[in-house]
Amino acid sequence: MGTQRQMGLIQRMFGRKADPATAMQPLYDQVVARAREPHWYEAGAVPDTMDGRFDMIAALLSLVLLRLEPEEEARQESVWLTELFVQDMDGQLRQLGIGDVSVGKHMGKMMSALGGRLGAYRRAFGGEITLDAAIRRNIFREEAAPDAGVAHVEKEMRAHAASLVELKTEALLSGRAPW
């Protein structure tokens, strides 16, 4: 038996299966890094809190998912990307000390929030509602927000969405393309 074949057998017997979602890790990391850029919290006046950071990750992830939505060949990758979001949020909750009993309830709320944001941004970019209204509701959570901050977030989200449209799907999925 050849060495490669033996290694394959050993990996199948004792190794863990490769998680296909890990292929989307660079893209998810890129979304998170973009959501952590200081300008959102400084010029954009997004609250620099756990909720504010969650809202920015959810907003930018929504833009990526909306970009991938019409791409039939990227459906599985969209699912994997969402799974990475779930894993990340689960880990964040556990780091905060939230126990197993409560994590499921919190995760349900977070997934509902992501779905709501995805729908709101879909409607905003489809012209059904204004992006300003979607931002005020989903990032600032209807709290008083400075108009200049909202305008900054809107301008940056529009630019971000436009840059995603310009990317070829393969480049976007790689998580290594600049956007």
N, C-alpha and C. Protein backbone atom coordinates (compact mmCIF):
# COMPACT_ATOMS: atom_id res chain seq x y z
N MET A 1 0.85 -1.17 0.00
CA MET A 1 0.00 0.00 0.00
C MET A 1 0.89 1.23 0.00
N GLY A 2 0.62 2.22 -0.87
CA GLY A 2 1.42 3.43 -0.96
C GLY A 2 1.22 4.32 0.25
N THR A 3 2.21 5.18 0.47
CA THR A 3 2.18 6.07 1.62
C THR A 3 0.97 6.99 1.59
N GLN A 4 0.65 7.56 0.43
CA GLN A 4 -0.51 8.45 0.35
C GLN A 4 -1.79 7.70 0.67
N ARG A 5 -1.90 6.51 0.18
CA ARG A 5 -3.10 5.71 0.42
C ARG A 5 -3.21 5.35 1.89
N GLN A 6 -2.08 5.02 2.53
CA GLN A 6 -2.09 4.72 3.96
C GLN A 6 -2.51 5.93 4.77
N MET A 7 -1.98 7.10 4.40
CA MET A 7 -2.35 8.33 5.11
C MET A 7 -3.83 8.62 4.94
N GLY A 8 -4.36 8.40 3.74
CA GLY A 8 -5.79 8.61 3.51
C GLY A 8 -6.62 7.69 4.39
N LEU A 9 -6.20 6.43 4.52
CA LEU A 9 -6.91 5.47 5.35
C LEU A 9 -6.84 5.89 6.82
N ILE A 10 -5.66 6.30 7.26
CA ILE A 10 -5.49 6.72 8.65
C ILE A 10 -6.35 7.95 8.93
N GLN A 11 -6.33 8.92 8.00
CA GLN A 11 -7.15 10.13 8.21
C GLN A 11 -8.63 9.78 8.26
N ARG A 12 -9.08 8.86 7.42
CA ARG A 12 -10.50 8.47 7.43
C ARG A 12 -10.85 7.76 8.73
N MET A 13 -9.92 6.99 9.26
CA MET A 13 -10.21 6.23 10.47
C MET A 13 -10.15 7.11 11.72
N PHE A 14 -9.16 7.99 11.79
CA PHE A 14 -8.92 8.73 13.02
C PHE A 14 -9.08 10.24 12.88
N GLY A 15 -9.02 10.72 11.68
CA GLY A 15 -9.08 12.16 11.47
C GLY A 15 -10.50 12.67 11.47
N ARG A 16 -10.61 13.95 11.68
CA ARG A 16 -11.90 14.59 11.60
C ARG A 16 -12.19 14.92 10.15
N LYS A 17 -13.45 14.88 9.82
CA LYS A 17 -13.83 15.29 8.48
C LYS A 17 -13.61 16.79 8.35
N ALA A 18 -13.18 17.19 7.18
CA ALA A 18 -13.01 18.61 6.93
C ALA A 18 -14.39 19.26 6.89
N ASP A 19 -14.54 20.34 7.60
CA ASP A 19 -15.79 21.08 7.62
C ASP A 19 -15.81 21.98 6.39
N PRO A 20 -16.75 21.75 5.47
CA PRO A 20 -16.76 22.57 4.26
C PRO A 20 -16.99 24.05 4.54
N ALA A 21 -17.60 24.36 5.67
CA ALA A 21 -17.83 25.77 6.01
C ALA A 21 -16.51 26.51 6.22
N THR A 22 -15.45 25.78 6.54
CA THR A 22 -14.16 26.45 6.77
C THR A 22 -13.66 27.13 5.50
N ALA A 23 -14.14 26.69 4.35
CA ALA A 23 -13.76 27.35 3.10
C ALA A 23 -14.27 28.79 3.09
N MET A 24 -15.33 29.06 3.84
CA MET A 24 -15.91 30.39 3.89
C MET A 24 -15.33 31.24 5.02
N GLN A 25 -14.43 30.66 5.83
CA GLN A 25 -13.87 31.39 6.96
C GLN A 25 -13.16 32.67 6.54
N PRO A 26 -12.34 32.67 5.47
CA PRO A 26 -11.70 33.94 5.09
C PRO A 26 -12.72 35.03 4.75
N LEU A 27 -13.81 34.68 4.09
CA LEU A 27 -14.83 35.67 3.76
C LEU A 27 -15.52 36.16 5.04
N TYR A 28 -15.87 35.24 5.93
CA TYR A 28 -16.51 35.65 7.18
C TYR A 28 -15.56 36.55 7.98
N ASP A 29 -14.29 36.19 8.04
CA ASP A 29 -13.31 37.01 8.75
C ASP A 29 -13.23 38.40 8.14
N GLN A 30 -13.34 38.47 6.82
CA GLN A 30 -13.29 39.75 6.12
C GLN A 30 -14.52 40.60 6.50
N VAL A 31 -15.68 39.98 6.59
CA VAL A 31 -16.89 40.69 7.00
C VAL A 31 -16.71 41.25 8.41
N VAL A 32 -16.23 40.43 9.32
CA VAL A 32 -16.05 40.86 10.70
C VAL A 32 -15.02 41.99 10.78
N ALA A 33 -13.92 41.85 10.07
CA ALA A 33 -12.89 42.90 10.08
C ALA A 33 -13.46 44.21 9.55
N ARG A 34 -14.24 44.12 8.50
CA ARG A 34 -14.85 45.33 7.94
C ARG A 34 -15.81 45.96 8.95
N ALA A 35 -16.57 45.12 9.64
CA ALA A 35 -17.54 45.62 10.63
C ALA A 35 -16.85 46.24 11.84
N ARG A 36 -15.61 45.91 12.07
CA ARG A 36 -14.87 46.46 13.22
C ARG A 36 -14.09 47.72 12.87
N GLU A 37 -14.15 48.15 11.63
CA GLU A 37 -13.41 49.35 11.25
C GLU A 37 -13.90 50.53 12.08
N PRO A 38 -12.98 51.33 12.62
CA PRO A 38 -13.35 52.42 13.52
C PRO A 38 -14.31 53.45 12.94
N HIS A 39 -14.28 53.67 11.62
CA HIS A 39 -15.12 54.73 11.06
C HIS A 39 -16.61 54.50 11.32
N TRP A 40 -17.04 53.23 11.44
CA TRP A 40 -18.46 52.97 11.72
C TRP A 40 -18.85 53.58 13.07
N TYR A 41 -17.94 53.47 14.03
CA TYR A 41 -18.21 53.88 15.40
C TYR A 41 -17.86 55.34 15.66
N GLU A 42 -16.94 55.86 14.87
CA GLU A 42 -16.53 57.25 15.04
C GLU A 42 -17.40 58.14 14.16
N ALA A 43 -17.13 58.18 12.88
CA ALA A 43 -17.90 59.03 11.96
C ALA A 43 -19.35 58.57 11.84
N GLY A 44 -19.56 57.27 11.94
CA GLY A 44 -20.91 56.74 11.80
C GLY A 44 -21.73 56.76 13.07
N ALA A 45 -21.12 56.99 14.19
CA ALA A 45 -21.79 57.07 15.49
C ALA A 45 -22.55 55.80 15.87
N VAL A 46 -22.16 54.67 15.29
CA VAL A 46 -22.74 53.39 15.71
C VAL A 46 -22.27 53.15 17.14
N PRO A 47 -23.16 52.77 18.04
CA PRO A 47 -22.73 52.53 19.43
C PRO A 47 -21.63 51.46 19.47
N ASP A 48 -20.52 51.79 20.10
CA ASP A 48 -19.41 50.83 20.22
C ASP A 48 -19.68 49.94 21.43
N THR A 49 -20.69 49.11 21.25
CA THR A 49 -21.15 48.17 22.27
C THR A 49 -21.27 46.80 21.63
N MET A 50 -21.57 45.79 22.42
CA MET A 50 -21.79 44.46 21.83
C MET A 50 -22.92 44.51 20.81
N ASP A 51 -24.00 45.20 21.17
CA ASP A 51 -25.13 45.29 20.24
C ASP A 51 -24.74 46.03 18.97
N GLY A 52 -24.00 47.13 19.10
CA GLY A 52 -23.58 47.89 17.94
C GLY A 52 -22.67 47.08 17.03
N ARG A 53 -21.75 46.34 17.63
CA ARG A 53 -20.85 45.50 16.82
C ARG A 53 -21.63 44.37 16.15
N PHE A 54 -22.58 43.77 16.88
CA PHE A 54 -23.44 42.74 16.27
C PHE A 54 -24.19 43.33 15.08
N ASP A 55 -24.75 44.53 15.26
CA ASP A 55 -25.53 45.16 14.20
C ASP A 55 -24.68 45.42 12.96
N MET A 56 -23.42 45.82 13.15
CA MET A 56 -22.56 46.06 11.99
C MET A 56 -22.18 44.76 11.30
N ILE A 57 -21.89 43.72 12.06
CA ILE A 57 -21.58 42.43 11.44
C ILE A 57 -22.81 41.94 10.68
N ALA A 58 -23.98 42.02 11.30
CA ALA A 58 -25.21 41.57 10.64
C ALA A 58 -25.49 42.39 9.38
N ALA A 59 -25.25 43.69 9.43
CA ALA A 59 -25.49 44.55 8.26
C ALA A 59 -24.57 44.17 7.10
N LEU A 60 -23.28 44.04 7.39
CA LEU A 60 -22.33 43.75 6.31
C LEU A 60 -22.46 42.31 5.82
N LEU A 61 -22.77 41.39 6.72
CA LEU A 61 -23.04 40.02 6.30
C LEU A 61 -24.27 39.99 5.41
N SER A 62 -25.29 40.77 5.75
CA SER A 62 -26.49 40.85 4.93
C SER A 62 -26.16 41.32 3.52
N LEU A 63 -25.28 42.31 3.40
CA LEU A 63 -24.91 42.79 2.07
C LEU A 63 -24.23 41.69 1.25
N VAL A 64 -23.38 40.92 1.90
CA VAL A 64 -22.71 39.81 1.20
C VAL A 64 -23.74 38.76 0.79
N LEU A 65 -24.63 38.40 1.71
CA LEU A 65 -25.65 37.39 1.40
C LEU A 65 -26.59 37.86 0.29
N LEU A 66 -26.93 39.15 0.30
CA LEU A 66 -27.76 39.69 -0.78
C LEU A 66 -27.03 39.65 -2.11
N ARG A 67 -25.74 39.91 -2.09
CA ARG A 67 -24.94 39.84 -3.32
C ARG A 67 -24.92 38.41 -3.86
N LEU A 68 -24.86 37.42 -2.97
CA LEU A 68 -24.78 36.03 -3.39
C LEU A 68 -26.15 35.43 -3.73
N GLU A 69 -27.21 36.04 -3.25
CA GLU A 69 -28.56 35.49 -3.39
C GLU A 69 -28.93 35.06 -4.81
N PRO A 70 -28.69 35.87 -5.82
CA PRO A 70 -29.10 35.44 -7.17
C PRO A 70 -28.17 34.40 -7.80
N GLU A 71 -27.06 34.11 -7.16
CA GLU A 71 -26.07 33.19 -7.70
C GLU A 71 -26.41 31.76 -7.30
N GLU A 72 -26.98 31.02 -8.21
CA GLU A 72 -27.38 29.64 -7.94
C GLU A 72 -26.21 28.80 -7.43
N GLU A 73 -25.03 29.01 -8.03
CA GLU A 73 -23.87 28.21 -7.65
C GLU A 73 -23.29 28.59 -6.30
N ALA A 74 -23.78 29.66 -5.69
CA ALA A 74 -23.24 30.10 -4.40
C ALA A 74 -24.21 29.84 -3.25
N ARG A 75 -25.26 29.09 -3.50
CA ARG A 75 -26.25 28.85 -2.43
C ARG A 75 -25.63 28.14 -1.23
N GLN A 76 -24.88 27.09 -1.49
CA GLN A 76 -24.28 26.34 -0.38
C GLN A 76 -23.30 27.20 0.38
N GLU A 77 -22.54 28.01 -0.33
CA GLU A 77 -21.58 28.88 0.33
C GLU A 77 -22.28 29.90 1.22
N SER A 78 -23.45 30.37 0.79
CA SER A 78 -24.24 31.30 1.63
C SER A 78 -24.68 30.61 2.92
N VAL A 79 -25.06 29.36 2.80
CA VAL A 79 -25.46 28.59 3.98
C VAL A 79 -24.26 28.44 4.92
N TRP A 80 -23.11 28.10 4.37
CA TRP A 80 -21.92 27.93 5.19
C TRP A 80 -21.52 29.25 5.86
N LEU A 81 -21.65 30.33 5.13
CA LEU A 81 -21.32 31.64 5.68
C LEU A 81 -22.24 31.96 6.86
N THR A 82 -23.50 31.65 6.71
CA THR A 82 -24.46 31.85 7.80
C THR A 82 -24.14 30.94 8.98
N GLU A 83 -23.72 29.71 8.71
CA GLU A 83 -23.32 28.80 9.79
C GLU A 83 -22.14 29.34 10.57
N LEU A 84 -21.20 29.97 9.87
CA LEU A 84 -20.06 30.57 10.56
C LEU A 84 -20.51 31.72 11.46
N PHE A 85 -21.48 32.49 11.01
CA PHE A 85 -22.04 33.56 11.83
C PHE A 85 -22.65 32.95 13.10
N VAL A 86 -23.40 31.88 12.94
CA VAL A 86 -24.03 31.21 14.08
C VAL A 86 -22.97 30.70 15.05
N GLN A 87 -21.93 30.04 14.53
CA GLN A 87 -20.86 29.54 15.38
C GLN A 87 -20.16 30.67 16.13
N ASP A 88 -19.90 31.76 15.43
CA ASP A 88 -19.24 32.90 16.04
C ASP A 88 -20.10 33.50 17.14
N MET A 89 -21.37 33.71 16.87
CA MET A 89 -22.26 34.30 17.88
C MET A 89 -22.45 33.35 19.06
N ASP A 90 -22.52 32.06 18.80
CA ASP A 90 -22.61 31.07 19.87
C ASP A 90 -21.39 31.18 20.78
N GLY A 91 -20.22 31.24 20.16
CA GLY A 91 -18.98 31.36 20.92
C GLY A 91 -18.92 32.65 21.72
N GLN A 92 -19.40 33.74 21.13
CA GLN A 92 -19.41 35.03 21.84
C GLN A 92 -20.31 34.95 23.07
N LEU A 93 -21.47 34.34 22.92
CA LEU A 93 -22.38 34.20 24.05
C LEU A 93 -21.76 33.37 25.17
N ARG A 94 -21.12 32.29 24.78
CA ARG A 94 -20.49 31.41 25.78
C ARG A 94 -19.35 32.14 26.49
N GLN A 95 -18.60 32.96 25.77
CA GLN A 95 -17.53 33.73 26.40
C GLN A 95 -18.08 34.72 27.41
N LEU A 96 -19.30 35.17 27.18
CA LEU A 96 -19.95 36.08 28.13
C LEU A 96 -20.47 35.34 29.36
N GLY A 97 -20.38 34.02 29.32
CA GLY A 97 -20.83 33.23 30.46
C GLY A 97 -22.28 32.79 30.38
N ILE A 98 -22.88 32.93 29.22
CA ILE A 98 -24.26 32.48 29.06
C ILE A 98 -24.24 30.96 28.93
N GLY A 99 -25.02 30.30 29.74
CA GLY A 99 -25.01 28.84 29.80
C GLY A 99 -25.79 28.18 28.68
N ASP A 100 -25.62 26.85 28.60
CA ASP A 100 -26.24 26.05 27.55
C ASP A 100 -27.75 26.24 27.48
N VAL A 101 -28.39 26.35 28.61
CA VAL A 101 -29.84 26.46 28.64
C VAL A 101 -30.31 27.74 27.93
N SER A 102 -29.59 28.83 28.12
CA SER A 102 -29.99 30.12 27.56
C SER A 102 -29.43 30.39 26.18
N VAL A 103 -28.34 29.72 25.80
CA VAL A 103 -27.70 30.00 24.51
C VAL A 103 -28.69 29.80 23.37
N GLY A 104 -29.45 28.73 23.39
CA GLY A 104 -30.39 28.44 22.31
C GLY A 104 -31.40 29.56 22.12
N LYS A 105 -31.92 30.07 23.20
CA LYS A 105 -32.89 31.16 23.14
C LYS A 105 -32.24 32.42 22.54
N HIS A 106 -31.04 32.74 23.00
CA HIS A 106 -30.33 33.90 22.47
C HIS A 106 -30.00 33.72 21.00
N MET A 107 -29.59 32.51 20.63
CA MET A 107 -29.25 32.25 19.23
C MET A 107 -30.48 32.39 18.35
N GLY A 108 -31.62 31.95 18.83
CA GLY A 108 -32.86 32.10 18.07
C GLY A 108 -33.16 33.57 17.81
N LYS A 109 -32.95 34.41 18.82
CA LYS A 109 -33.17 35.85 18.66
C LYS A 109 -32.17 36.44 17.67
N MET A 110 -30.92 36.00 17.74
CA MET A 110 -29.90 36.53 16.83
C MET A 110 -30.18 36.13 15.39
N MET A 111 -30.60 34.90 15.19
CA MET A 111 -30.91 34.44 13.83
C MET A 111 -32.13 35.19 13.29
N SER A 112 -33.10 35.42 14.15
CA SER A 112 -34.26 36.20 13.75
C SER A 112 -33.84 37.62 13.39
N ALA A 113 -32.93 38.18 14.19
CA ALA A 113 -32.42 39.53 13.91
C ALA A 113 -31.69 39.57 12.58
N LEU A 114 -30.87 38.57 12.30
CA LEU A 114 -30.17 38.53 11.01
C LEU A 114 -31.18 38.43 9.88
N GLY A 115 -32.17 37.58 10.03
CA GLY A 115 -33.19 37.45 8.99
C GLY A 115 -33.95 38.75 8.78
N GLY A 116 -34.27 39.44 9.86
CA GLY A 116 -34.95 40.72 9.75
C GLY A 116 -34.11 41.76 9.04
N ARG A 117 -32.84 41.79 9.37
CA ARG A 117 -31.94 42.74 8.73
C ARG A 117 -31.76 42.41 7.25
N LEU A 118 -31.63 41.14 6.95
CA LEU A 118 -31.51 40.73 5.56
C LEU A 118 -32.73 41.20 4.76
N GLY A 119 -33.91 41.01 5.33
CA GLY A 119 -35.14 41.46 4.66
C GLY A 119 -35.19 42.97 4.53
N ALA A 120 -34.79 43.68 5.58
CA ALA A 120 -34.83 45.14 5.54
C ALA A 120 -33.86 45.69 4.49
N TYR A 121 -32.65 45.14 4.44
CA TYR A 121 -31.68 45.64 3.46
C TYR A 121 -32.07 45.21 2.05
N ARG A 122 -32.69 44.06 1.90
CA ARG A 122 -33.20 43.64 0.59
C ARG A 122 -34.24 44.66 0.11
N ARG A 123 -35.16 45.04 1.01
CA ARG A 123 -36.19 46.02 0.64
C ARG A 123 -35.57 47.39 0.37
N ALA A 124 -34.57 47.77 1.16
CA ALA A 124 -33.93 49.08 0.97
C ALA A 124 -33.21 49.15 -0.37
N PHE A 125 -32.44 48.14 -0.68
CA PHE A 125 -31.71 48.16 -1.95
C PHE A 125 -32.62 47.87 -3.13
N GLY A 126 -33.81 47.34 -2.85
CA GLY A 126 -34.82 47.13 -3.89
C GLY A 126 -35.73 48.33 -4.07
N GLY A 127 -35.55 49.37 -3.24
CA GLY A 127 -36.32 50.59 -3.39
C GLY A 127 -37.66 50.61 -2.68
N GLU A 128 -37.97 49.57 -1.91
CA GLU A 128 -39.26 49.54 -1.20
C GLU A 128 -39.27 50.45 0.02
N ILE A 129 -38.13 50.59 0.68
CA ILE A 129 -37.98 51.49 1.82
C ILE A 129 -36.66 52.21 1.62
N THR A 130 -36.44 53.25 2.39
CA THR A 130 -35.17 53.95 2.27
C THR A 130 -34.09 53.22 3.07
N LEU A 131 -32.87 53.32 2.61
CA LEU A 131 -31.76 52.73 3.36
C LEU A 131 -31.61 53.47 4.69
N ASP A 132 -31.85 54.75 4.69
CA ASP A 132 -31.81 55.53 5.92
C ASP A 132 -32.72 54.91 6.98
N ALA A 133 -33.96 54.59 6.59
CA ALA A 133 -34.92 53.99 7.54
C ALA A 133 -34.44 52.63 8.02
N ALA A 134 -33.89 51.81 7.11
CA ALA A 134 -33.39 50.49 7.49
C ALA A 134 -32.24 50.61 8.47
N ILE A 135 -31.37 51.57 8.24
CA ILE A 135 -30.22 51.78 9.13
C ILE A 135 -30.69 52.26 10.50
N ARG A 136 -31.58 53.22 10.52
CA ARG A 136 -32.08 53.74 11.80
C ARG A 136 -32.75 52.64 12.62
N ARG A 137 -33.47 51.77 11.94
CA ARG A 137 -34.18 50.71 12.67
C ARG A 137 -33.25 49.58 13.09
N ASN A 138 -32.34 49.19 12.21
CA ASN A 138 -31.57 47.97 12.44
C ASN A 138 -30.19 48.18 13.02
N ILE A 139 -29.65 49.36 12.89
CA ILE A 139 -28.34 49.62 13.49
C ILE A 139 -28.49 50.50 14.72
N PHE A 140 -29.31 51.51 14.60
CA PHE A 140 -29.50 52.41 15.74
C PHE A 140 -30.71 52.02 16.59
N ARG A 141 -31.43 51.01 16.14
CA ARG A 141 -32.56 50.43 16.89
C ARG A 141 -33.56 51.48 17.33
N GLU A 142 -33.85 52.39 16.41
CA GLU A 142 -34.85 53.45 16.62
C GLU A 142 -34.44 54.47 17.68
N GLU A 143 -33.22 54.35 18.21
CA GLU A 143 -32.72 55.36 19.17
C GLU A 143 -32.38 56.62 18.38
N ALA A 144 -32.33 57.73 19.06
CA ALA A 144 -31.94 58.97 18.41
C ALA A 144 -30.52 58.80 17.88
N ALA A 145 -30.35 59.08 16.61
CA ALA A 145 -29.04 58.93 15.98
C ALA A 145 -28.73 60.22 15.23
N PRO A 146 -27.50 60.67 15.31
CA PRO A 146 -27.15 61.90 14.60
C PRO A 146 -27.28 61.70 13.08
N ASP A 147 -27.89 62.65 12.43
CA ASP A 147 -28.09 62.54 10.98
C ASP A 147 -26.77 62.35 10.24
N ALA A 148 -25.72 63.02 10.68
CA ALA A 148 -24.41 62.88 10.03
C ALA A 148 -23.88 61.46 10.17
N GLY A 149 -24.11 60.84 11.33
CA GLY A 149 -23.68 59.46 11.53
C GLY A 149 -24.44 58.50 10.63
N VAL A 150 -25.75 58.67 10.58
CA VAL A 150 -26.58 57.82 9.72
C VAL A 150 -26.17 58.00 8.26
N ALA A 151 -25.92 59.25 7.86
CA ALA A 151 -25.51 59.52 6.49
C ALA A 151 -24.18 58.83 6.17
N HIS A 152 -23.26 58.83 7.13
CA HIS A 152 -21.97 58.16 6.92
C HIS A 152 -22.19 56.65 6.75
N VAL A 153 -22.98 56.05 7.62
CA VAL A 153 -23.22 54.61 7.52
C VAL A 153 -23.90 54.29 6.18
N GLU A 154 -24.86 55.10 5.79
CA GLU A 154 -25.55 54.86 4.52
C GLU A 154 -24.59 54.95 3.34
N LYS A 155 -23.77 56.01 3.32
CA LYS A 155 -22.80 56.19 2.23
C LYS A 155 -21.86 55.00 2.15
N GLU A 156 -21.34 54.56 3.30
CA GLU A 156 -20.39 53.45 3.33
C GLU A 156 -21.06 52.12 2.95
N MET A 157 -22.30 51.92 3.40
CA MET A 157 -22.99 50.68 3.03
C MET A 157 -23.28 50.65 1.54
N ARG A 158 -23.67 51.78 0.97
CA ARG A 158 -23.90 51.83 -0.49
C ARG A 158 -22.61 51.54 -1.25
N ALA A 159 -21.52 52.15 -0.81
CA ALA A 159 -20.23 51.92 -1.47
C ALA A 159 -19.82 50.45 -1.33
N HIS A 160 -20.06 49.90 -0.16
CA HIS A 160 -19.71 48.50 0.08
C HIS A 160 -20.55 47.58 -0.81
N ALA A 161 -21.83 47.82 -0.89
CA ALA A 161 -22.71 47.01 -1.74
C ALA A 161 -22.28 47.12 -3.20
N ALA A 162 -21.93 48.32 -3.64
CA ALA A 162 -21.48 48.51 -5.02
C ALA A 162 -20.18 47.76 -5.29
N SER A 163 -19.28 47.77 -4.32
CA SER A 163 -18.01 47.05 -4.52
C SER A 163 -18.24 45.54 -4.57
N LEU A 164 -19.21 45.05 -3.82
CA LEU A 164 -19.53 43.61 -3.87
C LEU A 164 -20.08 43.22 -5.23
N VAL A 165 -20.90 44.08 -5.82
CA VAL A 165 -21.47 43.80 -7.14
C VAL A 165 -20.38 43.71 -8.19
N GLU A 166 -19.35 44.53 -8.03
CA GLU A 166 -18.26 44.56 -9.00
C GLU A 166 -17.40 43.29 -8.97
N LEU A 167 -17.39 42.60 -7.85
CA LEU A 167 -16.55 41.40 -7.71
C LEU A 167 -17.15 40.20 -8.41
N LYS A 168 -16.31 39.42 -9.02
CA LYS A 168 -16.75 38.12 -9.53
C LYS A 168 -17.06 37.25 -8.31
N THR A 169 -18.01 36.37 -8.47
CA THR A 169 -18.45 35.53 -7.36
C THR A 169 -17.30 34.75 -6.76
N GLU A 170 -16.45 34.18 -7.60
CA GLU A 170 -15.34 33.37 -7.09
C GLU A 170 -14.39 34.22 -6.24
N ALA A 171 -14.15 35.45 -6.70
CA ALA A 171 -13.27 36.34 -5.95
C ALA A 171 -13.89 36.69 -4.59
N LEU A 172 -15.18 36.96 -4.59
CA LEU A 172 -15.87 37.29 -3.34
C LEU A 172 -15.80 36.11 -2.37
N LEU A 173 -16.11 34.92 -2.88
CA LEU A 173 -16.15 33.73 -2.02
C LEU A 173 -14.78 33.39 -1.45
N SER A 174 -13.73 33.81 -2.13
CA SER A 174 -12.38 33.50 -1.65
C SER A 174 -12.07 34.24 -0.35
N GLY A 175 -12.74 35.38 -0.14
CA GLY A 175 -12.46 36.18 1.05
C GLY A 175 -11.14 36.91 0.98
N ARG A 176 -10.56 36.94 -0.20
CA ARG A 176 -9.26 37.59 -0.34
C ARG A 176 -9.31 38.79 -1.27
N ALA A 177 -10.47 39.05 -1.87
CA ALA A 177 -10.60 40.17 -2.80
C ALA A 177 -10.82 41.45 -2.00
N PRO A 178 -10.21 42.53 -2.43
CA PRO A 178 -10.44 43.80 -1.72
C PRO A 178 -11.84 44.33 -1.98
N TRP A 179 -12.49 44.77 -0.92
CA TRP A 179 -13.82 45.41 -1.08
C TRP A 179 -14.11 46.33 0.02
